[in-house]
């Protein structure tokens, strides 16, 4: 089965640069074994960008890498 993966990640400080690098690496590995993967990075990581990408792409898995709390994603 081919999974459709959407990842949204930013690289704004040490913590998010680290998470963003891992997200990109994991998507590369997923592509290498035949999965479909799309990335939202930088200025594309907005509520509108994320929700419209989810509506258009209909991913099986969404990966968010950034800052936040248990109820918010802050990039």
N, C-alpha and C. Protein backbone atom coordinates (compact mmCIF):
# COMPACT_ATOMS: atom_id res chain seq x y z
N UNK A 1 0.83 -1.18 0.00
CA UNK A 1 0.00 0.00 0.00
C UNK A 1 0.88 1.25 0.00
N UNK A 2 0.55 2.17 -0.85
CA UNK A 2 1.27 3.44 -0.91
C UNK A 2 0.56 4.44 0.01
N UNK A 3 1.31 5.03 0.92
CA UNK A 3 0.76 6.04 1.82
C UNK A 3 0.99 7.42 1.23
N UNK A 4 0.05 8.31 1.49
CA UNK A 4 0.17 9.72 1.11
C UNK A 4 0.51 10.49 2.38
N UNK A 5 1.68 11.12 2.37
CA UNK A 5 2.20 11.79 3.56
C UNK A 5 2.31 13.28 3.29
N UNK A 6 1.85 14.08 4.23
CA UNK A 6 1.99 15.53 4.17
C UNK A 6 2.76 15.97 5.41
N UNK A 7 3.83 16.72 5.21
CA UNK A 7 4.61 17.23 6.35
C UNK A 7 4.66 18.74 6.27
N UNK A 8 4.42 19.38 7.40
CA UNK A 8 4.55 20.83 7.52
C UNK A 8 5.61 21.09 8.58
N UNK A 9 6.66 21.81 8.17
CA UNK A 9 7.73 22.08 9.13
C UNK A 9 8.43 23.39 8.80
N UNK A 10 8.92 24.03 9.84
CA UNK A 10 9.62 25.31 9.71
C UNK A 10 10.99 25.18 10.35
N UNK A 11 11.89 26.08 9.98
CA UNK A 11 13.24 26.08 10.54
C UNK A 11 13.55 27.50 11.02
N UNK A 12 13.06 27.83 12.21
CA UNK A 12 13.17 29.19 12.72
C UNK A 12 14.21 29.36 13.82
N UNK A 13 14.50 28.30 14.56
CA UNK A 13 15.46 28.36 15.66
C UNK A 13 16.08 26.97 15.81
N UNK A 14 16.95 26.79 16.80
CA UNK A 14 17.64 25.51 16.94
C UNK A 14 16.69 24.32 17.01
N UNK A 15 15.64 24.44 17.80
CA UNK A 15 14.71 23.32 17.96
C UNK A 15 13.98 23.00 16.66
N UNK A 16 13.50 24.02 15.96
CA UNK A 16 12.74 23.75 14.74
C UNK A 16 13.65 23.38 13.57
N UNK A 17 14.88 23.88 13.55
CA UNK A 17 15.83 23.46 12.51
C UNK A 17 16.08 21.96 12.63
N UNK A 18 16.25 21.49 13.85
CA UNK A 18 16.48 20.06 14.10
C UNK A 18 15.28 19.24 13.66
N UNK A 19 14.09 19.63 14.07
CA UNK A 19 12.87 18.90 13.70
C UNK A 19 12.63 18.95 12.20
N UNK A 20 12.90 20.08 11.59
CA UNK A 20 12.70 20.23 10.15
C UNK A 20 13.65 19.33 9.36
N UNK A 21 14.89 19.24 9.81
CA UNK A 21 15.85 18.37 9.14
C UNK A 21 15.40 16.91 9.22
N UNK A 22 14.91 16.49 10.37
CA UNK A 22 14.41 15.12 10.51
C UNK A 22 13.19 14.88 9.64
N UNK A 23 12.28 15.84 9.58
CA UNK A 23 11.08 15.69 8.76
C UNK A 23 11.47 15.51 7.29
N UNK A 24 12.39 16.33 6.80
CA UNK A 24 12.83 16.20 5.40
C UNK A 24 13.49 14.86 5.14
N UNK A 25 14.33 14.41 6.08
CA UNK A 25 15.00 13.12 5.92
C UNK A 25 13.99 11.98 5.90
N UNK A 26 13.02 12.02 6.81
CA UNK A 26 12.01 10.96 6.85
C UNK A 26 11.17 10.92 5.58
N UNK A 27 10.84 12.08 5.04
CA UNK A 27 10.08 12.11 3.79
C UNK A 27 10.91 11.55 2.64
N UNK A 28 12.20 11.83 2.63
CA UNK A 28 13.07 11.26 1.61
C UNK A 28 13.09 9.74 1.69
N UNK A 29 13.16 9.22 2.90
CA UNK A 29 13.12 7.76 3.08
C UNK A 29 11.78 7.18 2.64
N UNK A 30 10.70 7.87 2.95
CA UNK A 30 9.37 7.41 2.54
C UNK A 30 9.26 7.37 1.02
N UNK A 31 9.76 8.42 0.36
CA UNK A 31 9.74 8.45 -1.11
C UNK A 31 10.58 7.32 -1.69
N UNK A 32 11.71 7.03 -1.06
CA UNK A 32 12.62 6.00 -1.57
C UNK A 32 11.99 4.62 -1.59
N UNK A 33 11.01 4.39 -0.72
CA UNK A 33 10.35 3.08 -0.71
C UNK A 33 8.97 3.13 -1.37
N UNK A 34 8.70 4.22 -2.09
CA UNK A 34 7.51 4.28 -2.92
C UNK A 34 6.30 5.03 -2.41
N UNK A 35 6.41 5.67 -1.25
CA UNK A 35 5.28 6.44 -0.75
C UNK A 35 5.25 7.82 -1.40
N UNK A 36 4.08 8.43 -1.43
CA UNK A 36 3.93 9.80 -1.93
C UNK A 36 4.12 10.74 -0.75
N UNK A 37 4.90 11.79 -0.93
CA UNK A 37 5.14 12.72 0.18
C UNK A 37 5.19 14.14 -0.35
N UNK A 38 4.51 15.02 0.36
CA UNK A 38 4.53 16.45 0.05
C UNK A 38 4.96 17.21 1.29
N UNK A 39 5.63 18.34 1.04
CA UNK A 39 6.13 19.16 2.15
C UNK A 39 5.60 20.58 2.05
N UNK A 40 5.24 21.12 3.19
CA UNK A 40 4.99 22.55 3.34
C UNK A 40 6.11 23.07 4.22
N UNK A 41 6.82 24.09 3.76
CA UNK A 41 7.92 24.63 4.54
C UNK A 41 7.83 26.15 4.57
N UNK A 42 8.55 26.72 5.54
CA UNK A 42 8.67 28.17 5.62
C UNK A 42 7.35 28.91 5.62
N UNK A 43 7.24 29.90 4.72
CA UNK A 43 6.05 30.76 4.66
C UNK A 43 4.79 30.02 4.23
N UNK A 44 4.93 28.81 3.68
CA UNK A 44 3.76 28.03 3.28
C UNK A 44 3.06 27.40 4.49
N UNK A 45 3.74 27.37 5.64
CA UNK A 45 3.16 26.75 6.84
C UNK A 45 2.28 27.78 7.55
N UNK A 46 1.06 27.87 7.10
CA UNK A 46 0.04 28.74 7.68
C UNK A 46 -1.21 27.89 7.90
N UNK A 47 -2.14 28.37 8.70
CA UNK A 47 -3.39 27.60 8.82
C UNK A 47 -4.04 27.35 7.46
N UNK A 48 -4.10 28.39 6.62
CA UNK A 48 -4.71 28.22 5.30
C UNK A 48 -3.90 27.23 4.45
N UNK A 49 -2.58 27.37 4.44
CA UNK A 49 -1.74 26.48 3.65
C UNK A 49 -1.88 25.03 4.06
N UNK A 50 -1.91 24.80 5.36
CA UNK A 50 -2.02 23.43 5.86
C UNK A 50 -3.40 22.84 5.56
N UNK A 51 -4.46 23.58 5.88
CA UNK A 51 -5.81 23.05 5.68
C UNK A 51 -6.14 22.86 4.20
N UNK A 52 -5.72 23.79 3.35
CA UNK A 52 -6.00 23.62 1.92
C UNK A 52 -5.20 22.47 1.34
N UNK A 53 -3.97 22.28 1.80
CA UNK A 53 -3.17 21.13 1.34
C UNK A 53 -3.80 19.82 1.78
N UNK A 54 -4.33 19.79 2.99
CA UNK A 54 -4.99 18.57 3.47
C UNK A 54 -6.25 18.28 2.66
N UNK A 55 -7.01 19.33 2.33
CA UNK A 55 -8.23 19.14 1.53
C UNK A 55 -7.92 18.66 0.11
N UNK A 56 -6.86 19.21 -0.50
CA UNK A 56 -6.52 18.87 -1.88
C UNK A 56 -5.80 17.53 -1.99
N UNK A 57 -4.89 17.26 -1.08
CA UNK A 57 -4.02 16.09 -1.17
C UNK A 57 -4.61 14.86 -0.48
N UNK A 58 -5.42 15.07 0.53
CA UNK A 58 -6.05 14.02 1.34
C UNK A 58 -5.01 12.98 1.81
N UNK A 59 -4.11 13.41 2.70
CA UNK A 59 -3.05 12.52 3.16
C UNK A 59 -3.54 11.44 4.12
N UNK A 60 -2.79 10.34 4.15
CA UNK A 60 -3.02 9.28 5.13
C UNK A 60 -2.33 9.60 6.45
N UNK A 61 -1.26 10.39 6.36
CA UNK A 61 -0.47 10.75 7.54
C UNK A 61 -0.07 12.21 7.42
N UNK A 62 -0.22 12.97 8.50
CA UNK A 62 0.22 14.37 8.56
C UNK A 62 1.28 14.48 9.64
N UNK A 63 2.41 15.09 9.29
CA UNK A 63 3.50 15.30 10.24
C UNK A 63 3.67 16.80 10.43
N UNK A 64 3.57 17.26 11.67
CA UNK A 64 3.78 18.66 12.00
C UNK A 64 5.02 18.77 12.87
N UNK A 65 5.98 19.58 12.45
CA UNK A 65 7.22 19.75 13.22
C UNK A 65 7.40 21.23 13.51
N UNK A 66 7.29 21.58 14.78
CA UNK A 66 7.44 22.98 15.19
C UNK A 66 7.17 23.12 16.67
N UNK A 67 6.89 24.34 17.10
CA UNK A 67 6.58 24.61 18.50
C UNK A 67 5.08 24.53 18.72
N UNK A 68 4.68 24.40 19.96
CA UNK A 68 3.26 24.41 20.29
C UNK A 68 3.01 23.92 21.69
N UNK A 69 1.74 23.65 21.95
CA UNK A 69 1.31 23.09 23.23
C UNK A 69 0.45 21.88 22.91
N UNK A 70 -0.18 21.33 23.90
CA UNK A 70 -1.02 20.16 23.66
C UNK A 70 -2.23 20.48 22.80
N UNK A 71 -2.58 21.76 22.67
CA UNK A 71 -3.76 22.14 21.88
C UNK A 71 -3.48 23.12 20.76
N UNK A 72 -2.23 23.52 20.55
CA UNK A 72 -1.90 24.47 19.48
C UNK A 72 -0.63 24.07 18.75
N UNK A 73 -0.56 24.45 17.48
CA UNK A 73 0.66 24.30 16.68
C UNK A 73 1.09 25.69 16.29
N UNK A 74 2.27 26.11 16.73
CA UNK A 74 2.71 27.48 16.54
C UNK A 74 3.81 27.64 15.52
N UNK A 75 4.25 26.59 14.88
CA UNK A 75 5.31 26.70 13.89
C UNK A 75 6.68 26.69 14.49
